[in-house]
N, C-alpha and C. Protein backbone atom coordinates (compact mmCIF):
# COMPACT_ATOMS: atom_id res chain seq x y z
N MET A 1 -1.36 10.70 -23.91
CA MET A 1 -1.99 10.33 -22.41
C MET A 1 -2.29 8.38 -23.06
N TYR A 2 -1.19 7.14 -22.63
CA TYR A 2 -1.45 6.03 -23.07
C TYR A 2 -2.58 5.34 -21.19
N LYS A 3 -3.51 4.34 -21.41
CA LYS A 3 -3.61 3.90 -21.04
C LYS A 3 -3.44 2.72 -21.94
N ILE A 4 -2.76 1.19 -20.43
CA ILE A 4 -2.37 0.18 -21.66
C ILE A 4 -2.52 -0.63 -20.39
N ALA A 5 -3.22 -1.80 -20.36
CA ALA A 5 -3.50 -3.36 -19.74
C ALA A 5 -3.57 -3.99 -19.89
N PHE A 6 -2.10 -5.11 -19.82
CA PHE A 6 -2.07 -6.53 -20.64
C PHE A 6 -3.20 -7.40 -19.48
N CYS A 7 -3.56 -8.33 -19.86
CA CYS A 7 -4.63 -9.49 -19.62
C CYS A 7 -3.01 -10.90 -19.80
N GLY A 8 -3.81 -12.01 -18.83
CA GLY A 8 -3.54 -13.49 -19.41
C GLY A 8 -3.94 -14.27 -18.50
N SER A 9 -3.20 -14.86 -18.20
CA SER A 9 -2.70 -15.85 -17.30
C SER A 9 -1.75 -15.45 -16.17
N HIS A 10 -1.87 -16.24 -15.08
CA HIS A 10 -0.78 -16.13 -13.50
C HIS A 10 0.81 -16.63 -14.94
N GLY A 11 1.06 -16.67 -14.77
CA GLY A 11 2.87 -16.71 -14.54
C GLY A 11 3.30 -16.60 -16.37
N THR A 12 2.09 -15.58 -17.66
CA THR A 12 2.81 -16.07 -18.72
C THR A 12 4.07 -14.62 -19.25
N GLY A 13 4.41 -14.27 -18.50
CA GLY A 13 5.44 -12.79 -17.98
C GLY A 13 3.94 -11.36 -18.60
N LYS A 14 3.34 -11.18 -18.04
CA LYS A 14 3.19 -9.58 -18.48
C LYS A 14 3.47 -9.03 -17.48
N SER A 15 4.56 -9.16 -16.65
CA SER A 15 5.44 -7.73 -15.60
C SER A 15 6.14 -8.04 -16.74
N THR A 16 7.56 -9.33 -16.12
CA THR A 16 7.59 -8.96 -17.49
C THR A 16 7.78 -7.84 -18.60
N LEU A 17 7.13 -8.31 -19.55
CA LEU A 17 6.90 -7.07 -20.22
C LEU A 17 6.07 -6.09 -20.28
N LEU A 18 5.21 -5.66 -19.08
CA LEU A 18 4.63 -4.44 -18.46
C LEU A 18 6.13 -3.66 -18.26
N GLN A 19 7.58 -3.63 -17.86
CA GLN A 19 7.70 -2.91 -17.29
C GLN A 19 8.66 -2.56 -18.35
N ALA A 20 9.32 -4.08 -19.47
CA ALA A 20 9.40 -2.65 -21.07
C ALA A 20 9.04 -1.72 -21.65
N VAL A 21 7.69 -1.88 -21.53
CA VAL A 21 6.18 -0.84 -22.86
C VAL A 21 6.22 -0.22 -20.94
N ALA A 22 6.63 -0.41 -19.81
CA ALA A 22 6.45 1.23 -19.33
C ALA A 22 7.48 2.01 -19.80
N SER A 23 8.72 1.46 -19.77
CA SER A 23 9.92 2.17 -20.06
C SER A 23 9.62 2.84 -21.17
N LYS A 24 8.88 1.94 -22.05
CA LYS A 24 9.78 3.02 -23.52
C LYS A 24 8.60 4.13 -23.27
N PHE A 25 7.11 3.73 -22.90
CA PHE A 25 6.49 4.44 -23.24
C PHE A 25 5.73 6.67 -22.06
N GLU A 26 7.37 6.28 -21.32
CA GLU A 26 7.37 6.60 -19.19
C GLU A 26 5.76 6.50 -19.48
N VAL A 27 5.21 5.81 -18.77
CA VAL A 27 3.87 5.60 -18.27
C VAL A 27 3.55 5.49 -16.59
N PRO A 28 3.21 5.52 -15.63
CA PRO A 28 3.39 4.79 -14.27
C PRO A 28 2.77 3.73 -14.61
N ILE A 29 3.44 2.58 -13.57
CA ILE A 29 3.49 0.66 -13.72
C ILE A 29 1.89 0.98 -12.54
N LEU A 30 0.57 0.38 -12.92
CA LEU A 30 -0.14 -0.42 -11.75
C LEU A 30 -0.65 -1.22 -11.63
N ASP A 31 0.36 -2.20 -11.40
CA ASP A 31 0.51 -3.66 -10.61
C ASP A 31 0.79 -4.09 -8.80
N LYS A 32 0.03 -5.42 -9.18
CA LYS A 32 0.18 -6.09 -7.41
C LYS A 32 -1.44 -5.99 -8.11
N THR A 33 -1.84 -5.03 -8.33
CA THR A 33 -3.26 -5.34 -7.52
C THR A 33 -3.81 -6.36 -6.63
N ILE A 34 -3.93 -7.03 -7.64
CA ILE A 34 -3.90 -8.09 -7.03
C ILE A 34 -3.79 -8.84 -5.78
N ARG A 35 -2.16 -9.27 -6.46
CA ARG A 35 -1.39 -9.42 -5.14
C ARG A 35 -1.60 -9.44 -3.59
N THR A 36 -1.60 -8.19 -4.11
CA THR A 36 -1.98 -7.03 -2.61
C THR A 36 -3.30 -7.29 -2.13
N TYR A 37 -4.10 -6.95 -3.00
CA TYR A 37 -5.51 -7.75 -2.51
C TYR A 37 -6.50 -8.63 -1.92
N TRP A 38 -4.82 -10.31 -2.15
CA TRP A 38 -4.73 -11.71 -1.75
C TRP A 38 -4.49 -11.57 -0.06
N GLN A 39 -2.90 -10.30 0.04
CA GLN A 39 -2.32 -10.12 1.32
C GLN A 39 -2.85 -9.42 1.96
N GLY A 40 -3.63 -8.67 1.55
CA GLY A 40 -4.48 -7.91 3.08
C GLY A 40 -5.46 -8.55 3.28
N ILE A 41 -5.63 -9.68 2.59
CA ILE A 41 -6.93 -10.51 3.31
C ILE A 41 -7.00 -11.82 3.84
N GLY A 42 -5.77 -12.26 3.61
CA GLY A 42 -4.96 -13.66 3.98
C GLY A 42 -5.43 -14.41 2.85
N VAL A 43 -5.53 -14.27 2.52
CA VAL A 43 -5.57 -16.40 1.89
C VAL A 43 -4.97 -16.18 0.45
N ASP A 44 -4.32 -16.99 0.24
CA ASP A 44 -3.59 -17.47 -0.42
C ASP A 44 -4.14 -18.87 -0.92
N ASP A 45 -4.71 -19.18 -1.42
CA ASP A 45 -4.77 -19.63 -1.80
C ASP A 45 -7.13 -19.72 -3.23
N PHE A 46 -7.45 -18.59 -4.46
CA PHE A 46 -8.20 -18.40 -4.88
C PHE A 46 -9.27 -19.19 -4.36
N ASP A 47 -9.08 -20.08 -5.44
CA ASP A 47 -10.33 -21.52 -5.40
C ASP A 47 -10.12 -22.30 -4.32
N LYS A 48 -9.67 -22.18 -2.96
CA LYS A 48 -9.96 -22.83 -1.82
C LYS A 48 -11.20 -22.05 -1.39
N LEU A 49 -11.87 -20.71 -1.90
CA LEU A 49 -12.59 -20.18 -1.51
C LEU A 49 -14.28 -21.06 -1.71
N PRO A 50 -15.13 -20.19 -1.04
CA PRO A 50 -16.51 -20.74 -1.20
C PRO A 50 -16.69 -19.68 -2.45
N ALA A 51 -17.85 -20.02 -3.40
CA ALA A 51 -18.48 -19.11 -4.77
C ALA A 51 -19.09 -18.20 -4.33
N ASN A 52 -19.62 -18.19 -3.60
CA ASN A 52 -19.74 -16.59 -3.00
C ASN A 52 -18.75 -15.82 -2.29
N ILE A 53 -18.23 -16.68 -2.20
CA ILE A 53 -17.10 -14.74 -1.28
C ILE A 53 -15.92 -15.00 -2.58
N ARG A 54 -15.77 -15.88 -3.09
CA ARG A 54 -15.02 -15.55 -4.43
C ARG A 54 -15.54 -14.77 -5.70
N THR A 55 -16.88 -14.41 -6.14
CA THR A 55 -17.42 -13.64 -6.11
C THR A 55 -17.50 -12.53 -5.49
N GLN A 56 -18.73 -12.13 -4.11
CA GLN A 56 -17.70 -11.25 -3.70
C GLN A 56 -16.18 -10.30 -4.16
N CYS A 57 -15.14 -11.69 -3.99
CA CYS A 57 -13.99 -10.62 -4.47
C CYS A 57 -13.32 -9.89 -5.78
N GLN A 58 -13.58 -11.02 -6.43
CA GLN A 58 -14.00 -10.39 -7.30
C GLN A 58 -14.07 -9.48 -8.04
N LEU A 59 -15.64 -8.39 -7.70
CA LEU A 59 -16.65 -7.95 -7.36
C LEU A 59 -15.56 -6.40 -6.89
N ASN A 60 -14.45 -6.79 -5.45
CA ASN A 60 -13.86 -6.60 -4.94
C ASN A 60 -12.63 -5.29 -5.61
N LEU A 61 -12.20 -6.79 -5.91
CA LEU A 61 -11.34 -6.29 -7.88
C LEU A 61 -10.94 -5.80 -8.59
N LEU A 62 -12.32 -5.89 -8.74
CA LEU A 62 -12.57 -4.98 -10.12
C LEU A 62 -12.87 -3.68 -9.24
N ILE A 63 -13.57 -2.55 -8.66
CA ILE A 63 -14.24 -2.45 -7.59
C ILE A 63 -12.16 -1.10 -7.69
N ASN A 64 -11.02 -2.28 -7.23
CA ASN A 64 -10.41 -1.44 -6.93
C ASN A 64 -9.23 -1.04 -7.89
N GLN A 65 -9.24 -1.97 -8.90
CA GLN A 65 -8.44 -1.81 -10.28
C GLN A 65 -9.05 -0.53 -10.64
N ILE A 66 -10.61 0.12 -10.72
CA ILE A 66 -11.31 1.35 -11.80
C ILE A 66 -10.62 1.74 -10.89
N LYS A 67 -10.54 1.87 -9.27
CA LYS A 67 -10.38 3.89 -8.54
C LYS A 67 -8.85 3.24 -8.68
N ARG A 68 -8.03 2.90 -8.72
CA ARG A 68 -6.03 3.20 -8.38
C ARG A 68 -6.21 3.52 -10.63
N GLU A 69 -7.14 3.61 -11.04
CA GLU A 69 -6.29 3.94 -12.72
C GLU A 69 -7.11 5.19 -12.41
N ASP A 70 -8.07 5.12 -11.81
CA ASP A 70 -9.40 6.57 -12.09
C ASP A 70 -7.93 7.35 -11.24
N ILE A 71 -6.76 7.51 -9.65
CA ILE A 71 -6.65 7.15 -9.38
C ILE A 71 -5.27 8.34 -9.31
N GLU A 72 -4.68 7.01 -9.39
CA GLU A 72 -3.09 6.58 -10.01
C GLU A 72 -3.00 6.91 -11.20
N GLY A 73 -3.11 6.47 -12.11
CA GLY A 73 -3.52 6.31 -13.53
C GLY A 73 -3.91 7.83 -14.41
N LYS A 74 -4.41 9.24 -13.52
CA LYS A 74 -5.04 9.83 -14.52
C LYS A 74 -3.87 10.63 -15.52
N ASN A 75 -2.92 10.77 -15.72
CA ASN A 75 -2.13 10.99 -16.61
C ASN A 75 -1.85 9.68 -17.64
N GLY A 76 -2.68 8.80 -17.15
CA GLY A 76 -1.86 7.43 -18.41
C GLY A 76 -1.76 5.83 -17.29
N PHE A 77 -1.12 5.26 -17.67
CA PHE A 77 -0.15 4.21 -17.05
C PHE A 77 -0.25 2.88 -17.63
N ILE A 78 0.20 2.47 -16.85
CA ILE A 78 0.68 0.93 -18.27
C ILE A 78 0.13 -0.69 -16.42
N THR A 79 -0.49 -1.64 -16.31
CA THR A 79 -1.45 -2.29 -15.89
C THR A 79 -1.31 -3.52 -16.80
N ASP A 80 -0.91 -4.58 -14.88
CA ASP A 80 -0.65 -6.54 -15.43
C ASP A 80 -1.96 -6.77 -15.28
N ARG A 81 -2.96 -6.20 -15.52
CA ARG A 81 -4.22 -6.60 -15.02
C ARG A 81 -5.30 -5.22 -15.80
N SER A 82 -6.45 -6.22 -16.60
CA SER A 82 -7.28 -5.09 -16.82
C SER A 82 -9.07 -5.47 -16.66
N VAL A 83 -9.53 -4.82 -16.41
CA VAL A 83 -11.01 -5.00 -15.95
C VAL A 83 -12.11 -6.38 -16.36
N LEU A 84 -11.07 -6.37 -17.62
CA LEU A 84 -11.88 -7.98 -18.14
C LEU A 84 -11.45 -8.80 -17.51
N ASP A 85 -10.04 -9.31 -17.31
CA ASP A 85 -9.90 -10.03 -15.52
C ASP A 85 -10.60 -10.70 -15.34
N TYR A 86 -10.94 -9.33 -14.77
CA TYR A 86 -11.55 -9.81 -13.14
C TYR A 86 -13.16 -9.61 -13.92
N ILE A 87 -13.36 -9.44 -14.45
CA ILE A 87 -14.86 -9.45 -15.49
C ILE A 87 -14.83 -11.19 -15.70
N GLY A 88 -13.85 -11.97 -16.79
CA GLY A 88 -13.84 -13.24 -17.54
C GLY A 88 -13.38 -13.86 -15.91
C-alpha cells in the first residue's frame, strides 16, 4: 500500500507528476481538494479573505484532506496536497 503526497506551490507541476506516478503505482488519486472546497464556498481569491476566515478555511481544508485520505485511500493513494500544505 502506497501513500504518496506531493507538496508545493500552485502551478509547480504537482498534478502533472501525480498522473505519472499514480499510473506507475496503480493507486487512486485524491486531487483537487482545495479547488473543490473553494468552489463550494464561493471563494475565488483566498488572499482577499480576512485573516480569521483564512485560518478557519485552512482548518477545514486540513480536516477535509484527512477525511478523504481515510475514506477514499484505505488501500493507498496519491494526492497533490498533504496535510503539511495546510499546516504550512
